[in-house]
Amino acid sequence: MITKEQLKSIYKDAHISLDEKELDELTEKFSSLIEFNEILLKADTDGVEPTEINTDNAMYLREDKARDGLDREEALSFANDREYGYFRLQRVID
């Protein structure tokens, strides 16, 4: 079971606002998911063969080929704002 305080903390850390009605609904939903997961974890699976084995999954990767990139001035020519030879971006963290 998850408590309202735990849920508030999770949403606060994620910078997501939550009103009291949403908090009640989500607490109930998360609690039911956790309870269902606990039931599944208690299931005895000893001697049960997997129902699906996907062993012939192969990952086909392309060969890396080195190629010339843009020079600094050409890349910076596309910048809306630049400073000291670099792209200048807005602050992300307050």
PDB file of N, CA and C in Angstrom:
ATOM      1  N   MET A   1       0.848  -1.184   0.000  1.00  0.00           N
ATOM      2  CA  MET A   1       0.000   0.000   0.000  1.00  0.00           C
ATOM      3  C   MET A   1       0.888   1.239   0.000  1.00  0.00           C
ATOM      4  N   ILE A   2       0.484   2.216  -0.783  1.00  0.00           N
ATOM      5  CA  ILE A   2       1.220   3.473  -0.831  1.00  0.00           C
ATOM      6  C   ILE A   2       0.424   4.522  -0.059  1.00  0.00           C
ATOM      7  N   THR A   3       1.130   5.358   0.660  1.00  0.00           N
ATOM      8  CA  THR A   3       0.446   6.391   1.443  1.00  0.00           C
ATOM      9  C   THR A   3       0.348   7.683   0.635  1.00  0.00           C
ATOM     10  N   LYS A   4      -0.538   8.554   1.068  1.00  0.00           N
ATOM     11  CA  LYS A   4      -0.686   9.849   0.404  1.00  0.00           C
ATOM     12  C   LYS A   4       0.611  10.654   0.492  1.00  0.00           C
ATOM     13  N   GLU A   5       1.290  10.538   1.617  1.00  0.00           N
ATOM     14  CA  GLU A   5       2.537  11.277   1.802  1.00  0.00           C
ATOM     15  C   GLU A   5       3.610  10.799   0.819  1.00  0.00           C
ATOM     16  N   GLN A   6       3.692   9.481   0.617  1.00  0.00           N
ATOM     17  CA  GLN A   6       4.658   8.942  -0.338  1.00  0.00           C
ATOM     18  C   GLN A   6       4.340   9.422  -1.752  1.00  0.00           C
ATOM     19  N   LEU A   7       3.079   9.401  -2.111  1.00  0.00           N
ATOM     20  CA  LEU A   7       2.661   9.839  -3.434  1.00  0.00           C
ATOM     21  C   LEU A   7       2.925  11.335  -3.627  1.00  0.00           C
ATOM     22  N   LYS A   8       2.635  12.133  -2.605  1.00  0.00           N
ATOM     23  CA  LYS A   8       2.924  13.569  -2.675  1.00  0.00           C
ATOM     24  C   LYS A   8       4.412  13.796  -2.909  1.00  0.00           C
ATOM     25  N   SER A   9       5.248  13.045  -2.214  1.00  0.00           N
ATOM     26  CA  SER A   9       6.695  13.184  -2.350  1.00  0.00           C
ATOM     27  C   SER A   9       7.158  12.831  -3.759  1.00  0.00           C
ATOM     28  N   ILE A  10       6.608  11.758  -4.315  1.00  0.00           N
ATOM     29  CA  ILE A  10       6.980  11.339  -5.672  1.00  0.00           C
ATOM     30  C   ILE A  10       6.609  12.427  -6.674  1.00  0.00           C
ATOM     31  N   TYR A  11       5.385  12.936  -6.573  1.00  0.00           N
ATOM     32  CA  TYR A  11       4.937  13.960  -7.505  1.00  0.00           C
ATOM     33  C   TYR A  11       5.683  15.274  -7.303  1.00  0.00           C
ATOM     34  N   LYS A  12       6.034  15.595  -6.059  1.00  0.00           N
ATOM     35  CA  LYS A  12       6.809  16.804  -5.789  1.00  0.00           C
ATOM     36  C   LYS A  12       8.187  16.691  -6.427  1.00  0.00           C
ATOM     37  N   ASP A  13       8.827  15.522  -6.291  1.00  0.00           N
ATOM     38  CA  ASP A  13      10.148  15.312  -6.896  1.00  0.00           C
ATOM     39  C   ASP A  13      10.091  15.409  -8.416  1.00  0.00           C
ATOM     40  N   ALA A  14       8.944  15.040  -9.000  1.00  0.00           N
ATOM     41  CA  ALA A  14       8.785  15.097 -10.456  1.00  0.00           C
ATOM     42  C   ALA A  14       8.263  16.459 -10.908  1.00  0.00           C
ATOM     43  N   HIS A  15       8.089  17.384  -9.966  1.00  0.00           N
ATOM     44  CA  HIS A  15       7.578  18.728 -10.252  1.00  0.00           C
ATOM     45  C   HIS A  15       6.222  18.680 -10.945  1.00  0.00           C
ATOM     46  N   ILE A  16       5.334  17.819 -10.434  1.00  0.00           N
ATOM     47  CA  ILE A  16       3.975  17.697 -10.955  1.00  0.00           C
ATOM     48  C   ILE A  16       3.012  18.073  -9.835  1.00  0.00           C
ATOM     49  N   SER A  17       2.126  19.014 -10.137  1.00  0.00           N
ATOM     50  CA  SER A  17       1.169  19.422  -9.107  1.00  0.00           C
ATOM     51  C   SER A  17       0.032  18.402  -9.027  1.00  0.00           C
ATOM     52  N   LEU A  18      -0.534  18.324  -7.852  1.00  0.00           N
ATOM     53  CA  LEU A  18      -1.548  17.313  -7.587  1.00  0.00           C
ATOM     54  C   LEU A  18      -2.543  17.893  -6.591  1.00  0.00           C
ATOM     55  N   ASP A  19      -3.825  17.933  -6.983  1.00  0.00           N
ATOM     56  CA  ASP A  19      -4.822  18.418  -6.021  1.00  0.00           C
ATOM     57  C   ASP A  19      -5.317  17.245  -5.167  1.00  0.00           C
ATOM     58  N   GLU A  20      -6.116  17.554  -4.173  1.00  0.00           N
ATOM     59  CA  GLU A  20      -6.533  16.546  -3.182  1.00  0.00           C
ATOM     60  C   GLU A  20      -7.371  15.433  -3.806  1.00  0.00           C
ATOM     61  N   LYS A  21      -8.231  15.779  -4.769  1.00  0.00           N
ATOM     62  CA  LYS A  21      -9.067  14.774  -5.420  1.00  0.00           C
ATOM     63  C   LYS A  21      -8.197  13.795  -6.222  1.00  0.00           C
ATOM     64  N   GLU A  22      -7.249  14.355  -6.978  1.00  0.00           N
ATOM     65  CA  GLU A  22      -6.333  13.504  -7.752  1.00  0.00           C
ATOM     66  C   GLU A  22      -5.489  12.633  -6.828  1.00  0.00           C
ATOM     67  N   LEU A  23      -5.078  13.210  -5.711  1.00  0.00           N
ATOM     68  CA  LEU A  23      -4.269  12.475  -4.746  1.00  0.00           C
ATOM     69  C   LEU A  23      -5.027  11.254  -4.223  1.00  0.00           C
ATOM     70  N   ASP A  24      -6.303  11.429  -3.896  1.00  0.00           N
ATOM     71  CA  ASP A  24      -7.115  10.307  -3.416  1.00  0.00           C
ATOM     72  C   ASP A  24      -7.246   9.220  -4.491  1.00  0.00           C
ATOM     73  N   GLU A  25      -7.551   9.640  -5.729  1.00  0.00           N
ATOM     74  CA  GLU A  25      -7.729   8.681  -6.822  1.00  0.00           C
ATOM     75  C   GLU A  25      -6.436   7.919  -7.117  1.00  0.00           C
ATOM     76  N   LEU A  26      -5.334   8.657  -7.201  1.00  0.00           N
ATOM     77  CA  LEU A  26      -4.063   8.018  -7.533  1.00  0.00           C
ATOM     78  C   LEU A  26      -3.558   7.117  -6.413  1.00  0.00           C
ATOM     79  N   THR A  27      -3.799   7.519  -5.178  1.00  0.00           N
ATOM     80  CA  THR A  27      -3.404   6.670  -4.052  1.00  0.00           C
ATOM     81  C   THR A  27      -4.119   5.326  -4.137  1.00  0.00           C
ATOM     82  N   GLU A  28      -5.405   5.378  -4.443  1.00  0.00           N
ATOM     83  CA  GLU A  28      -6.179   4.152  -4.574  1.00  0.00           C
ATOM     84  C   GLU A  28      -5.686   3.304  -5.753  1.00  0.00           C
ATOM     85  N   LYS A  29      -5.435   3.941  -6.894  1.00  0.00           N
ATOM     86  CA  LYS A  29      -4.998   3.199  -8.081  1.00  0.00           C
ATOM     87  C   LYS A  29      -3.615   2.574  -7.879  1.00  0.00           C
ATOM     88  N   PHE A  30      -2.681   3.365  -7.347  1.00  0.00           N
ATOM     89  CA  PHE A  30      -1.340   2.830  -7.113  1.00  0.00           C
ATOM     90  C   PHE A  30      -1.361   1.701  -6.089  1.00  0.00           C
ATOM     91  N   SER A  31      -2.174   1.857  -5.057  1.00  0.00           N
ATOM     92  CA  SER A  31      -2.268   0.813  -4.038  1.00  0.00           C
ATOM     93  C   SER A  31      -2.789  -0.488  -4.629  1.00  0.00           C
ATOM     94  N   SER A  32      -3.806  -0.390  -5.498  1.00  0.00           N
ATOM     95  CA  SER A  32      -4.338  -1.617  -6.109  1.00  0.00           C
ATOM     96  C   SER A  32      -3.312  -2.256  -7.039  1.00  0.00           C
ATOM     97  N   LEU A  33      -2.526  -1.451  -7.739  1.00  0.00           N
ATOM     98  CA  LEU A  33      -1.469  -2.009  -8.591  1.00  0.00           C
ATOM     99  C   LEU A  33      -0.400  -2.718  -7.758  1.00  0.00           C
ATOM    100  N   ILE A  34      -0.018  -2.107  -6.662  1.00  0.00           N
ATOM    101  CA  ILE A  34       0.993  -2.716  -5.795  1.00  0.00           C
ATOM    102  C   ILE A  34       0.473  -4.013  -5.196  1.00  0.00           C
ATOM    103  N   GLU A  35      -0.778  -4.028  -4.758  1.00  0.00           N
ATOM    104  CA  GLU A  35      -1.367  -5.244  -4.199  1.00  0.00           C
ATOM    105  C   GLU A  35      -1.431  -6.352  -5.243  1.00  0.00           C
ATOM    106  N   PHE A  36      -1.812  -6.010  -6.468  1.00  0.00           N
ATOM    107  CA  PHE A  36      -1.873  -7.001  -7.541  1.00  0.00           C
ATOM    108  C   PHE A  36      -0.475  -7.553  -7.841  1.00  0.00           C
ATOM    109  N   ASN A  37       0.525  -6.681  -7.851  1.00  0.00           N
ATOM    110  CA  ASN A  37       1.901  -7.112  -8.092  1.00  0.00           C
ATOM    111  C   ASN A  37       2.373  -8.055  -6.987  1.00  0.00           C
ATOM    112  N   GLU A  38       1.998  -7.780  -5.743  1.00  0.00           N
ATOM    113  CA  GLU A  38       2.369  -8.659  -4.633  1.00  0.00           C
ATOM    114  C   GLU A  38       1.749 -10.043  -4.794  1.00  0.00           C
ATOM    115  N   ILE A  39       0.524 -10.104  -5.300  1.00  0.00           N
ATOM    116  CA  ILE A  39      -0.128 -11.395  -5.563  1.00  0.00           C
ATOM    117  C   ILE A  39       0.648 -12.161  -6.631  1.00  0.00           C
ATOM    118  N   LEU A  40       1.028 -11.460  -7.687  1.00  0.00           N
ATOM    119  CA  LEU A  40       1.787 -12.104  -8.761  1.00  0.00           C
ATOM    120  C   LEU A  40       3.139 -12.626  -8.274  1.00  0.00           C
ATOM    121  N   LEU A  41       3.794 -11.853  -7.399  1.00  0.00           N
ATOM    122  CA  LEU A  41       5.099 -12.270  -6.892  1.00  0.00           C
ATOM    123  C   LEU A  41       5.020 -13.506  -6.010  1.00  0.00           C
ATOM    124  N   LYS A  42       3.862 -13.743  -5.398  1.00  0.00           N
ATOM    125  CA  LYS A  42       3.689 -14.902  -4.529  1.00  0.00           C
ATOM    126  C   LYS A  42       3.378 -16.177  -5.309  1.00  0.00           C
ATOM    127  N   ALA A  43       3.055 -16.050  -6.594  1.00  0.00           N
ATOM    128  CA  ALA A  43       2.682 -17.222  -7.405  1.00  0.00           C
ATOM    129  C   ALA A  43       3.860 -18.178  -7.516  1.00  0.00           C
ATOM    130  N   ASP A  44       3.600 -19.470  -7.302  1.00  0.00           N
ATOM    131  CA  ASP A  44       4.628 -20.497  -7.391  1.00  0.00           C
ATOM    132  C   ASP A  44       4.864 -20.843  -8.864  1.00  0.00           C
ATOM    133  N   THR A  45       6.036 -20.516  -9.371  1.00  0.00           N
ATOM    134  CA  THR A  45       6.355 -20.779 -10.780  1.00  0.00           C
ATOM    135  C   THR A  45       7.440 -21.841 -10.933  1.00  0.00           C
ATOM    136  N   ASP A  46       7.752 -22.547  -9.866  1.00  0.00           N
ATOM    137  CA  ASP A  46       8.762 -23.603  -9.952  1.00  0.00           C
ATOM    138  C   ASP A  46       8.278 -24.690 -10.910  1.00  0.00           C
ATOM    139  N   GLY A  47       9.119 -25.062 -11.826  1.00  0.00           N
ATOM    140  CA  GLY A  47       8.814 -26.126 -12.766  1.00  0.00           C
ATOM    141  C   GLY A  47       7.916 -25.710 -13.918  1.00  0.00           C
ATOM    142  N   VAL A  48       7.589 -24.450 -13.996  1.00  0.00           N
ATOM    143  CA  VAL A  48       6.734 -23.970 -15.084  1.00  0.00           C
ATOM    144  C   VAL A  48       7.630 -23.527 -16.235  1.00  0.00           C
ATOM    145  N   GLU A  49       7.382 -24.091 -17.395  1.00  0.00           N
ATOM    146  CA  GLU A  49       8.160 -23.719 -18.578  1.00  0.00           C
ATOM    147  C   GLU A  49       7.724 -22.337 -19.069  1.00  0.00           C
ATOM    148  N   PRO A  50       8.670 -21.570 -19.547  1.00  0.00           N
ATOM    149  CA  PRO A  50       8.292 -20.268 -20.125  1.00  0.00           C
ATOM    150  C   PRO A  50       7.352 -20.478 -21.311  1.00  0.00           C
ATOM    151  N   THR A  51       6.407 -19.601 -21.450  1.00  0.00           N
ATOM    152  CA  THR A  51       5.451 -19.745 -22.551  1.00  0.00           C
ATOM    153  C   THR A  51       5.985 -19.154 -23.849  1.00  0.00           C
ATOM    154  N   GLU A  52       6.979 -18.314 -23.756  1.00  0.00           N
ATOM    155  CA  GLU A  52       7.542 -17.727 -24.966  1.00  0.00           C
ATOM    156  C   GLU A  52       9.041 -17.555 -24.782  1.00  0.00           C
ATOM    157  N   ILE A  53       9.790 -18.052 -25.730  1.00  0.00           N
ATOM    158  CA  ILE A  53      11.230 -17.853 -25.730  1.00  0.00           C
ATOM    159  C   ILE A  53      11.589 -17.226 -27.061  1.00  0.00           C
ATOM    160  N   ASN A  54      12.189 -16.096 -26.985  1.00  0.00           N
ATOM    161  CA  ASN A  54      12.524 -15.369 -28.199  1.00  0.00           C
ATOM    162  C   ASN A  54      14.042 -15.349 -28.344  1.00  0.00           C
ATOM    163  N   THR A  55      14.602 -16.453 -28.833  1.00  0.00           N
ATOM    164  CA  THR A  55      16.058 -16.567 -28.904  1.00  0.00           C
ATOM    165  C   THR A  55      16.639 -16.129 -30.241  1.00  0.00           C
ATOM    166  N   ASP A  56      15.819 -16.076 -31.295  1.00  0.00           N
ATOM    167  CA  ASP A  56      16.393 -15.710 -32.580  1.00  0.00           C
ATOM    168  C   ASP A  56      16.243 -14.227 -32.864  1.00  0.00           C
ATOM    169  N   ASN A  57      16.153 -13.448 -31.813  1.00  0.00           N
ATOM    170  CA  ASN A  57      16.163 -12.003 -31.978  1.00  0.00           C
ATOM    171  C   ASN A  57      17.595 -11.561 -32.245  1.00  0.00           C
ATOM    172  N   ALA A  58      17.853 -11.103 -33.409  1.00  0.00           N
ATOM    173  CA  ALA A  58      19.192 -10.635 -33.738  1.00  0.00           C
ATOM    174  C   ALA A  58      19.124  -9.143 -34.009  1.00  0.00           C
ATOM    175  N   MET A  59      20.135  -8.457 -33.589  1.00  0.00           N
ATOM    176  CA  MET A  59      20.182  -7.034 -33.827  1.00  0.00           C
ATOM    177  C   MET A  59      21.158  -6.782 -34.961  1.00  0.00           C
ATOM    178  N   TYR A  60      20.643  -6.253 -36.012  1.00  0.00           N
ATOM    179  CA  TYR A  60      21.475  -5.974 -37.168  1.00  0.00           C
ATOM    180  C   TYR A  60      21.860  -4.509 -37.145  1.00  0.00           C
ATOM    181  N   LEU A  61      23.137  -4.286 -36.960  1.00  0.00           N
ATOM    182  CA  LEU A  61      23.638  -2.928 -36.854  1.00  0.00           C
ATOM    183  C   LEU A  61      24.376  -2.551 -38.131  1.00  0.00           C
ATOM    184  N   ARG A  62      24.261  -1.301 -38.482  1.00  0.00           N
ATOM    185  CA  ARG A  62      25.009  -0.853 -39.648  1.00  0.00           C
ATOM    186  C   ARG A  62      26.467  -0.628 -39.247  1.00  0.00           C
ATOM    187  N   GLU A  63      27.320  -0.696 -40.214  1.00  0.00           N
ATOM    188  CA  GLU A  63      28.734  -0.480 -39.957  1.00  0.00           C
ATOM    189  C   GLU A  63      28.974   1.016 -39.759  1.00  0.00           C
ATOM    190  N   ASP A  64      29.748   1.345 -38.747  1.00  0.00           N
ATOM    191  CA  ASP A  64      30.083   2.749 -38.516  1.00  0.00           C
ATOM    192  C   ASP A  64      31.054   3.212 -39.586  1.00  0.00           C
ATOM    193  N   LYS A  65      30.754   4.350 -40.142  1.00  0.00           N
ATOM    194  CA  LYS A  65      31.638   4.945 -41.145  1.00  0.00           C
ATOM    195  C   LYS A  65      31.951   6.360 -40.713  1.00  0.00           C
ATOM    196  N   ALA A  66      33.214   6.654 -40.613  1.00  0.00           N
ATOM    197  CA  ALA A  66      33.627   7.995 -40.229  1.00  0.00           C
ATOM    198  C   ALA A  66      33.390   8.936 -41.408  1.00  0.00           C
ATOM    199  N   ARG A  67      32.915  10.111 -41.094  1.00  0.00           N
ATOM    200  CA  ARG A  67      32.750  11.119 -42.140  1.00  0.00           C
ATOM    201  C   ARG A  67      32.992  12.485 -41.536  1.00  0.00           C
ATOM    202  N   ASP A  68      33.275  13.418 -42.372  1.00  0.00           N
ATOM    203  CA  ASP A  68      33.583  14.767 -41.914  1.00  0.00           C
ATOM    204  C   ASP A  68      32.326  15.449 -41.397  1.00  0.00           C
ATOM    205  N   GLY A  69      32.464  16.161 -40.301  1.00  0.00           N
ATOM    206  CA  GLY A  69      31.352  16.920 -39.745  1.00  0.00           C
ATOM    207  C   GLY A  69      31.433  18.366 -40.190  1.00  0.00           C
ATOM    208  N   LEU A  70      30.562  19.171 -39.634  1.00  0.00           N
ATOM    209  CA  LEU A  70      30.584  20.595 -39.932  1.00  0.00           C
ATOM    210  C   LEU A  70      31.726  21.250 -39.189  1.00  0.00           C
ATOM    211  N   ASP A  71      32.305  22.270 -39.792  1.00  0.00           N
ATOM    212  CA  ASP A  71      33.299  23.010 -39.015  1.00  0.00           C
ATOM    213  C   ASP A  71      32.555  23.961 -38.079  1.00  0.00           C
ATOM    214  N   ARG A  72      33.234  24.484 -37.099  1.00  0.00           N
ATOM    215  CA  ARG A  72      32.605  25.261 -36.042  1.00  0.00           C
ATOM    216  C   ARG A  72      31.821  26.450 -36.599  1.00  0.00           C
ATOM    217  N   GLU A  73      32.405  27.217 -37.477  1.00  0.00           N
ATOM    218  CA  GLU A  73      31.729  28.406 -37.992  1.00  0.00           C
ATOM    219  C   GLU A  73      30.489  28.047 -38.793  1.00  0.00           C
ATOM    220  N   GLU A  74      30.550  26.973 -39.558  1.00  0.00           N
ATOM    221  CA  GLU A  74      29.383  26.555 -40.328  1.00  0.00           C
ATOM    222  C   GLU A  74      28.248  26.118 -39.397  1.00  0.00           C
ATOM    223  N   ALA A  75      28.594  25.366 -38.336  1.00  0.00           N
ATOM    224  CA  ALA A  75      27.580  24.924 -37.380  1.00  0.00           C
ATOM    225  C   ALA A  75      26.983  26.120 -36.649  1.00  0.00           C
ATOM    226  N   LEU A  76      27.832  27.068 -36.246  1.00  0.00           N
ATOM    227  CA  LEU A  76      27.348  28.237 -35.514  1.00  0.00           C
ATOM    228  C   LEU A  76      26.562  29.196 -36.407  1.00  0.00           C
ATOM    229  N   SER A  77      26.701  29.065 -37.712  1.00  0.00           N
ATOM    230  CA  SER A  77      25.934  29.937 -38.610  1.00  0.00           C
ATOM    231  C   SER A  77      24.439  29.651 -38.509  1.00  0.00           C
ATOM    232  N   PHE A  78      24.057  28.479 -38.010  1.00  0.00           N
ATOM    233  CA  PHE A  78      22.654  28.115 -37.837  1.00  0.00           C
ATOM    234  C   PHE A  78      22.108  28.535 -36.469  1.00  0.00           C
ATOM    235  N   ALA A  79      22.958  29.023 -35.586  1.00  0.00           N
ATOM    236  CA  ALA A  79      22.551  29.347 -34.216  1.00  0.00           C
ATOM    237  C   ALA A  79      21.761  30.646 -34.159  1.00  0.00           C
ATOM    238  N   ASN A  80      20.713  30.655 -33.350  1.00  0.00           N
ATOM    239  CA  ASN A  80      19.975  31.893 -33.095  1.00  0.00           C
ATOM    240  C   ASN A  80      20.793  32.828 -32.215  1.00  0.00           C
ATOM    241  N   ASP A  81      21.542  32.231 -31.295  1.00  0.00           N
ATOM    242  CA  ASP A  81      22.329  33.011 -30.349  1.00  0.00           C
ATOM    243  C   ASP A  81      23.626  32.266 -30.080  1.00  0.00           C
ATOM    244  N   ARG A  82      24.730  32.965 -30.115  1.00  0.00           N
ATOM    245  CA  ARG A  82      26.016  32.315 -29.842  1.00  0.00           C
ATOM    246  C   ARG A  82      26.887  33.255 -29.035  1.00  0.00           C
ATOM    247  N   GLU A  83      27.839  32.638 -28.310  1.00  0.00           N
ATOM    248  CA  GLU A  83      28.702  33.422 -27.449  1.00  0.00           C
ATOM    249  C   GLU A  83      30.020  32.677 -27.268  1.00  0.00           C
ATOM    250  N   TYR A  84      31.126  33.361 -27.420  1.00  0.00           N
ATOM    251  CA  TYR A  84      32.470  32.804 -27.234  1.00  0.00           C
ATOM    252  C   TYR A  84      32.707  31.553 -28.097  1.00  0.00           C
ATOM    253  N   GLY A  85      32.129  31.502 -29.275  1.00  0.00           N
ATOM    254  CA  GLY A  85      32.341  30.365 -30.162  1.00  0.00           C
ATOM    255  C   GLY A  85      31.521  29.133 -29.832  1.00  0.00           C
ATOM    256  N   TYR A  86      30.462  29.299 -29.016  1.00  0.00           N
ATOM    257  CA  TYR A  86      29.589  28.183 -28.641  1.00  0.00           C
ATOM    258  C   TYR A  86      28.131  28.593 -28.858  1.00  0.00           C
ATOM    259  N   PHE A  87      27.234  27.597 -28.911  1.00  0.00           N
ATOM    260  CA  PHE A  87      25.819  27.876 -28.929  1.00  0.00           C
ATOM    261  C   PHE A  87      25.429  28.423 -27.566  1.00  0.00           C
ATOM    262  N   ARG A  88      24.615  29.460 -27.534  1.00  0.00           N
ATOM    263  CA  ARG A  88      24.131  29.985 -26.261  1.00  0.00           C
ATOM    264  C   ARG A  88      22.685  29.537 -26.108  1.00  0.00           C
ATOM    265  N   LEU A  89      22.388  28.865 -24.983  1.00  0.00           N
ATOM    266  CA  LEU A  89      21.058  28.311 -24.734  1.00  0.00           C
ATOM    267  C   LEU A  89      20.433  28.969 -23.531  1.00  0.00           C
ATOM    268  N   GLN A  90      19.097  28.874 -23.426  1.00  0.00           N
ATOM    269  CA  GLN A  90      18.418  29.368 -22.255  1.00  0.00           C
ATOM    270  C   GLN A  90      18.725  28.467 -21.070  1.00  0.00           C
ATOM    271  N   ARG A  91      18.650  29.038 -19.882  1.00  0.00           N
ATOM    272  CA  ARG A  91      18.853  28.242 -18.670  1.00  0.00           C
ATOM    273  C   ARG A  91      17.780  27.178 -18.567  1.00  0.00           C
ATOM    274  N   VAL A  92      18.171  25.992 -18.172  1.00  0.00           N
ATOM    275  CA  VAL A  92      17.224  24.898 -18.016  1.00  0.00           C
ATOM    276  C   VAL A  92      16.871  24.711 -16.551  1.00  0.00           C
ATOM    277  N   ILE A  93      17.838  24.897 -15.675  1.00  0.00           N
ATOM    278  CA  ILE A  93      17.652  24.703 -14.240  1.00  0.00           C
ATOM    279  C   ILE A  93      17.645  26.057 -13.567  1.00  0.00           C
ATOM    280  N   ASP A  94      16.653  26.276 -12.708  1.00  0.00           N
ATOM    281  CA  ASP A  94      16.573  27.548 -11.967  1.00  0.00           C
ATOM    282  C   ASP A  94      17.495  27.521 -10.793  1.00  0.00           C
TER     283      ASP A  94
END
